[in-house]
Amino acid sequence: MGDKGAGNHSDVTDFILVGFRVRPEFHSLFFLLFLLVYGMVLLGNISMMAIIVTDSQLNTPMYFFLGNLSFIDLSYSTIIAPKAMVNFLSEKKIVSFAGCVAQLFFFTLFIVTEGFVLAAMAYDRFIAICNPLLYGVHMSRHLCTQMVAGSYFCGWVSSILQASITFSASFCASRVIDHFYCDSYQIEKISCSSLFVNKIVSFSLAAFIILPTIVVIVVFYVYIVTTVLKIPSSEGRKKAFSTCSSHLGVVSLLYGTVSFVYLIPPSNPELRKVASVFYILVTPMLNPLIYSLRNKDVKQALRKILWRRKALS
């Protein structure tokens, strides 16, 4: 299929994903790097979910959210990484129109859902530190389930709006997407339709769905820091901070990398691609490590599983 052609989106059967503009001999290296990191994403997040499910002591709101976070990280990495690895070893680097729609839809679904789950986890830490005596009342299983379901609902609404408005455009100039996955910004660049409505929808999603999660997290942490600083003993302050340091690290990692991607000027698309790798693969790889290395409960549960395996062998 050529990359030029006339017609609207109904005539488009596939797109070409350019990937990284490097010499062909580097494609195998990129494949191996993606394979290594994606393998660690699979191992880390599946292990985290298995630990949470099998250990009854981790049957708490914080680990309920953490289990969902691991599932989300695993999901949006899986939506992007396997196809990117296939294209590294392929000459055509083609993705079908339906495949591109599905990739953008599900990636938006999970990345937006993650933002809301992180906000729910911030609320959990706020209650645990600022109102510990009422923690069991405020953080009931029913409420936690509702918060996660609401997170997925907001992700679902966002993905429907983003995918429908992106692919309602006409593609009559080019079908070459300058990225290693179906990124909405790059898709809009090859459209020959007016993007006014697209920009309105994108701004609305940012203003009414994405921005509130950031504001909620910041507000809760202002209260958390204020409360912790009132604790008289340094040991008490250290213990209180340790209960939310892992979550704060995950939040900083995700929003830091995503913000960096969108602050990079459009004139430097290769740097945007490299930065995208961080929130698509590196962040999901590091999240289980952050929670396991800095969390006594997870380390203890992991030791139990390893001890049982040794006892059975």
Protein backbone atom coordinates (compact mmCIF):
# COMPACT_ATOMS: atom_id res chain seq x y z
CA MET A 1 0.00 0.00 0.00
CA GLY A 2 1.29 3.43 -0.80
CA ASP A 3 1.39 6.17 1.76
CA LYS A 4 -0.44 8.62 -0.46
CA GLY A 5 -4.00 8.49 -1.61
CA ALA A 6 -7.19 10.37 -1.87
CA GLY A 7 -10.38 9.73 -0.01
CA ASN A 8 -11.77 9.98 3.47
CA HIS A 9 -11.28 7.73 6.49
CA SER A 10 -13.71 5.12 5.12
CA ASP A 11 -11.22 4.42 2.29
CA VAL A 12 -8.30 3.86 4.68
CA THR A 13 -7.62 0.19 5.37
CA ASP A 14 -4.32 0.55 7.19
CA PHE A 15 -1.55 2.89 8.34
CA ILE A 16 2.23 2.72 8.30
CA LEU A 17 3.98 3.13 11.66
CA VAL A 18 7.37 4.71 11.02
CA GLY A 19 8.81 3.83 14.43
CA PHE A 20 12.27 5.14 15.26
CA ARG A 21 14.13 6.73 12.38
CA VAL A 22 17.38 4.84 12.84
CA ARG A 23 19.57 2.67 10.65
CA PRO A 24 18.02 -0.75 9.91
CA GLU A 25 20.69 -2.64 11.86
CA PHE A 26 19.52 -0.90 15.06
CA HIS A 27 16.00 -2.33 14.73
CA SER A 28 17.13 -5.67 16.18
CA LEU A 29 18.65 -3.84 19.15
CA PHE A 30 15.40 -1.96 19.76
CA PHE A 31 13.53 -5.27 19.52
CA LEU A 32 15.76 -6.83 22.20
CA LEU A 33 15.47 -3.79 24.47
CA PHE A 34 11.68 -3.74 24.17
CA LEU A 35 11.55 -7.50 24.72
CA LEU A 36 13.69 -7.26 27.86
CA VAL A 37 11.75 -4.39 29.41
CA TYR A 38 8.35 -5.80 28.42
CA GLY A 39 9.35 -9.15 29.92
CA MET A 40 10.13 -7.37 33.19
CA VAL A 41 6.77 -5.57 32.98
CA LEU A 42 5.02 -8.94 32.66
CA LEU A 43 7.03 -10.56 35.45
CA GLY A 44 6.74 -7.66 37.88
CA ASN A 45 3.06 -6.87 37.48
CA ILE A 46 1.82 -10.47 37.26
CA SER A 47 3.89 -11.29 40.36
CA MET A 48 2.46 -8.30 42.20
CA MET A 49 -1.12 -9.30 41.36
CA ALA A 50 -0.43 -12.91 42.35
CA ILE A 51 1.06 -11.86 45.70
CA ILE A 52 -1.91 -9.62 46.49
CA VAL A 53 -4.46 -12.29 45.54
CA THR A 54 -2.78 -15.15 47.43
CA ASP A 55 -1.82 -13.41 50.68
CA SER A 56 -4.81 -12.73 52.95
CA GLN A 57 -2.86 -10.12 54.92
CA LEU A 58 -2.81 -7.93 51.83
CA ASN A 59 -6.61 -7.89 51.65
CA THR A 60 -6.73 -4.15 52.38
CA PRO A 61 -7.86 -1.11 50.36
CA MET A 62 -4.31 -0.03 49.55
CA TYR A 63 -3.43 -3.39 48.01
CA PHE A 64 -6.79 -3.61 46.28
CA PHE A 65 -5.87 -0.39 44.46
CA LEU A 66 -2.31 -1.61 43.92
CA GLY A 67 -3.57 -4.81 42.29
CA ASN A 68 -5.68 -2.76 39.90
CA LEU A 69 -2.72 -0.48 39.21
CA SER A 70 -0.60 -3.50 38.24
CA PHE A 71 -3.35 -4.76 35.94
CA ILE A 72 -3.62 -1.35 34.27
CA ASP A 73 0.15 -1.03 33.82
CA LEU A 74 0.32 -4.50 32.32
CA SER A 75 -2.62 -3.77 30.02
CA TYR A 76 -1.48 -0.54 28.39
CA SER A 77 2.05 -1.87 27.93
CA THR A 78 0.63 -4.97 26.24
CA ILE A 79 -1.47 -2.82 23.91
CA ILE A 80 1.66 -1.09 22.56
CA ALA A 81 4.79 -3.21 23.06
CA PRO A 82 4.05 -6.47 21.13
CA LYS A 83 2.99 -4.62 17.97
CA ALA A 84 6.02 -2.32 18.21
CA MET A 85 8.33 -5.35 18.53
CA VAL A 86 6.76 -7.01 15.49
CA ASN A 87 7.27 -3.84 13.46
CA PHE A 88 10.93 -3.62 14.49
CA LEU A 89 11.52 -6.88 12.61
CA SER A 90 9.13 -6.15 9.73
CA GLU A 91 9.78 -4.19 6.56
CA LYS A 92 6.18 -3.06 5.97
CA LYS A 93 5.40 -1.85 9.54
CA ILE A 94 1.67 -1.83 8.80
CA VAL A 95 -1.19 -1.59 11.28
CA SER A 96 -4.78 -2.05 10.14
CA PHE A 97 -7.29 0.76 10.52
CA ALA A 98 -9.29 -1.28 13.05
CA GLY A 99 -6.09 -2.20 14.88
CA CYS A 100 -5.07 1.44 15.11
CA VAL A 101 -8.50 2.44 16.44
CA ALA A 102 -8.35 -0.37 19.03
CA GLN A 103 -4.83 0.57 20.09
CA LEU A 104 -5.69 4.25 20.64
CA PHE A 105 -8.99 3.36 22.32
CA PHE A 106 -7.57 0.92 24.86
CA PHE A 107 -4.41 2.91 25.51
CA THR A 108 -6.50 5.99 26.33
CA LEU A 109 -8.83 3.85 28.44
CA PHE A 110 -6.06 2.48 30.65
CA ILE A 111 -3.86 5.57 30.88
CA VAL A 112 -6.80 7.76 31.99
CA THR A 113 -8.05 5.03 34.36
CA GLU A 114 -4.59 4.90 35.94
CA GLY A 115 -4.76 8.61 36.73
CA PHE A 116 -8.05 8.13 38.59
CA VAL A 117 -6.80 5.03 40.43
CA LEU A 118 -3.75 7.01 41.57
CA ALA A 119 -6.11 9.72 42.82
CA ALA A 120 -8.11 7.07 44.71
CA MET A 121 -4.87 5.78 46.23
CA ALA A 122 -4.03 9.34 47.33
CA TYR A 123 -7.40 9.50 49.10
CA ASP A 124 -6.63 6.16 50.76
CA ARG A 125 -3.29 7.52 52.07
CA PHE A 126 -5.02 10.74 53.17
CA ILE A 127 -7.54 8.82 55.29
CA ALA A 128 -4.85 6.47 56.67
CA ILE A 129 -2.66 9.35 57.87
CA CYS A 130 -5.12 12.15 58.63
CA ASN A 131 -8.05 10.07 59.98
CA PRO A 132 -6.57 6.70 61.00
CA LEU A 133 -9.26 5.90 63.58
CA LEU A 134 -11.98 6.17 60.93
CA TYR A 135 -10.01 4.36 58.22
CA GLY A 136 -12.17 1.21 58.35
CA VAL A 137 -15.34 3.29 58.10
CA HIS A 138 -14.26 5.52 55.22
CA MET A 139 -12.38 2.92 53.18
CA SER A 140 -14.98 0.15 52.97
CA ARG A 141 -14.69 -2.55 50.33
CA HIS A 142 -17.86 -1.24 48.69
CA LEU A 143 -16.45 2.29 48.39
CA CYS A 144 -13.13 1.02 47.02
CA THR A 145 -14.95 -1.01 44.38
CA GLN A 146 -17.04 2.02 43.44
CA MET A 147 -13.93 4.19 43.14
CA VAL A 148 -12.20 1.70 40.83
CA ALA A 149 -15.37 1.23 38.77
CA GLY A 150 -15.70 5.02 38.49
CA SER A 151 -12.07 5.22 37.35
CA TYR A 152 -12.76 2.74 34.55
CA PHE A 153 -15.94 4.61 33.62
CA CYS A 154 -14.04 7.89 33.22
CA GLY A 155 -11.38 6.07 31.20
CA TRP A 156 -14.10 4.54 29.03
CA VAL A 157 -15.73 7.91 28.35
CA SER A 158 -12.36 9.48 27.54
CA SER A 159 -11.37 6.70 25.15
CA ILE A 160 -14.69 6.79 23.30
CA LEU A 161 -14.42 10.56 22.81
CA GLN A 162 -10.73 10.50 21.89
CA ALA A 163 -10.95 7.60 19.42
CA SER A 164 -14.19 8.72 17.78
CA ILE A 165 -13.06 12.30 17.21
CA THR A 166 -9.58 11.25 16.03
CA PHE A 167 -10.78 8.74 13.45
CA SER A 168 -13.72 10.80 12.23
CA ALA A 169 -11.19 12.88 10.30
CA SER A 170 -10.30 12.40 6.63
CA PHE A 171 -6.90 11.02 5.67
CA CYS A 172 -6.35 12.13 2.11
CA ALA A 173 -2.72 13.26 2.22
CA SER A 174 -0.72 10.55 3.97
CA ARG A 175 -1.17 7.32 5.94
CA VAL A 176 2.27 7.38 7.53
CA ILE A 177 2.17 7.80 11.34
CA ASP A 178 5.49 9.13 12.61
CA HIS A 179 5.54 7.03 15.78
CA PHE A 180 5.87 3.43 16.95
CA TYR A 181 2.20 3.29 17.98
CA CYS A 182 -1.07 4.99 17.05
CA ASP A 183 -0.56 8.28 18.86
CA SER A 184 -3.52 10.67 18.49
CA TYR A 185 -1.28 13.71 17.92
CA GLN A 186 0.56 12.04 15.04
CA ILE A 187 -2.69 10.72 13.56
CA GLU A 188 -4.14 14.23 13.56
CA LYS A 189 -1.02 15.50 11.77
CA ILE A 190 -1.80 13.35 8.71
CA SER A 191 -5.44 14.41 8.59
CA CYS A 192 -6.65 16.86 5.98
CA SER A 193 -9.78 17.78 7.98
CA SER A 194 -10.28 20.75 10.24
CA LEU A 195 -8.97 19.93 13.72
CA PHE A 196 -10.96 22.59 15.57
CA VAL A 197 -13.37 20.09 17.13
CA ASN A 198 -10.48 17.74 17.94
CA LYS A 199 -8.71 20.50 19.85
CA ILE A 200 -11.91 21.38 21.74
CA VAL A 201 -12.43 17.73 22.74
CA SER A 202 -8.77 17.29 23.76
CA PHE A 203 -8.88 20.48 25.81
CA SER A 204 -12.13 19.39 27.48
CA LEU A 205 -10.70 15.98 28.37
CA ALA A 206 -7.61 17.62 29.85
CA ALA A 207 -9.62 20.24 31.76
CA PHE A 208 -12.47 18.10 33.10
CA ILE A 209 -10.98 14.61 33.39
CA ILE A 210 -7.17 14.63 33.54
CA LEU A 211 -6.50 17.89 35.41
CA PRO A 212 -8.91 17.12 38.31
CA THR A 213 -6.98 13.94 39.16
CA ILE A 214 -3.76 15.95 39.46
CA VAL A 215 -5.48 18.59 41.60
CA VAL A 216 -7.00 15.93 43.88
CA ILE A 217 -3.63 14.26 44.40
CA VAL A 218 -1.90 17.58 45.16
CA VAL A 219 -4.62 18.65 47.62
CA PHE A 220 -4.54 15.34 49.50
CA TYR A 221 -0.75 15.47 49.78
CA VAL A 222 -0.87 19.03 51.08
CA TYR A 223 -3.11 17.76 53.90
CA ILE A 224 -0.88 14.71 54.40
CA VAL A 225 2.31 16.77 54.66
CA THR A 226 0.61 19.26 57.01
CA THR A 227 -0.56 16.44 59.27
CA VAL A 228 2.77 14.61 59.27
CA LEU A 229 4.71 17.76 60.17
CA LYS A 230 2.53 18.12 63.28
CA ILE A 231 3.71 14.74 64.58
CA PRO A 232 6.11 15.55 67.47
CA SER A 233 8.59 12.66 67.09
CA SER A 234 10.92 12.32 64.11
CA GLU A 235 10.37 8.56 64.16
CA GLY A 236 6.62 9.08 63.88
CA ARG A 237 7.06 11.49 60.97
CA LYS A 238 9.37 9.06 59.21
CA LYS A 239 6.91 6.18 59.65
CA ALA A 240 4.00 8.29 58.37
CA PHE A 241 5.92 9.45 55.30
CA SER A 242 7.01 5.88 54.54
CA THR A 243 3.37 4.81 54.14
CA CYS A 244 2.88 7.14 51.18
CA SER A 245 6.39 7.44 49.70
CA SER A 246 5.85 4.55 47.25
CA HIS A 247 2.61 6.05 45.94
CA LEU A 248 4.20 9.48 45.64
CA GLY A 249 7.08 7.95 43.69
CA VAL A 250 4.71 6.24 41.24
CA VAL A 251 2.68 9.44 40.76
CA SER A 252 5.82 11.50 40.14
CA LEU A 253 7.15 8.92 37.68
CA LEU A 254 3.96 8.75 35.60
CA TYR A 255 3.03 12.43 35.51
CA GLY A 256 6.66 13.49 35.18
CA THR A 257 7.26 11.38 32.06
CA VAL A 258 3.88 12.20 30.48
CA SER A 259 4.42 15.93 31.07
CA PHE A 260 7.91 15.71 29.60
CA VAL A 261 6.54 14.10 26.42
CA TYR A 262 4.06 16.92 25.83
CA LEU A 263 6.56 19.65 26.70
CA ILE A 264 8.93 18.47 23.98
CA PRO A 265 8.51 20.68 20.89
CA PRO A 266 6.81 19.02 17.88
CA SER A 267 9.95 19.79 15.87
CA ASN A 268 11.74 16.99 17.77
CA PRO A 269 9.57 13.89 17.15
CA GLU A 270 12.37 11.39 17.83
CA LEU A 271 12.84 12.70 21.38
CA ARG A 272 9.07 12.45 21.90
CA LYS A 273 9.22 8.79 20.87
CA VAL A 274 12.04 8.05 23.31
CA ALA A 275 10.19 9.84 26.10
CA SER A 276 7.02 7.87 25.25
CA VAL A 277 8.91 4.64 25.93
CA PHE A 278 9.32 5.73 29.53
CA TYR A 279 5.62 5.94 30.39
CA ILE A 280 4.64 3.03 28.12
CA LEU A 281 7.28 0.55 29.32
CA VAL A 282 9.72 1.93 31.91
CA THR A 283 7.09 3.24 34.34
CA PRO A 284 5.06 -0.03 34.35
CA MET A 285 8.36 -1.89 34.87
CA LEU A 286 9.42 0.27 37.82
CA ASN A 287 6.07 0.50 39.65
CA PRO A 288 6.15 -3.08 41.07
CA LEU A 289 9.78 -2.55 42.09
CA ILE A 290 8.95 0.69 43.88
CA TYR A 291 6.16 -0.97 45.86
CA SER A 292 8.03 -4.21 46.58
CA LEU A 293 11.37 -2.69 47.57
CA ARG A 294 9.86 -0.03 49.84
CA ASN A 295 7.03 -2.07 51.33
CA LYS A 296 7.51 -4.46 54.23
CA ASP A 297 4.15 -6.20 53.72
CA VAL A 298 4.89 -7.05 50.08
CA LYS A 299 8.41 -8.25 50.91
CA GLN A 300 7.05 -10.40 53.73
CA ALA A 301 4.36 -11.88 51.46
CA LEU A 302 7.00 -12.61 48.81
CA ARG A 303 9.19 -14.36 51.40
CA LYS A 304 6.20 -16.51 52.41
CA ILE A 305 5.63 -17.60 48.81
CA LEU A 306 9.32 -18.41 48.31
CA TRP A 307 9.40 -20.34 51.60
CA ARG A 308 6.37 -22.39 50.57
CA ARG A 309 7.98 -23.22 47.24
CA LYS A 310 11.14 -24.38 49.01
CA ALA A 311 9.11 -26.47 51.44
CA LEU A 312 7.25 -28.19 48.56
CA SER A 313 10.39 -28.87 46.52
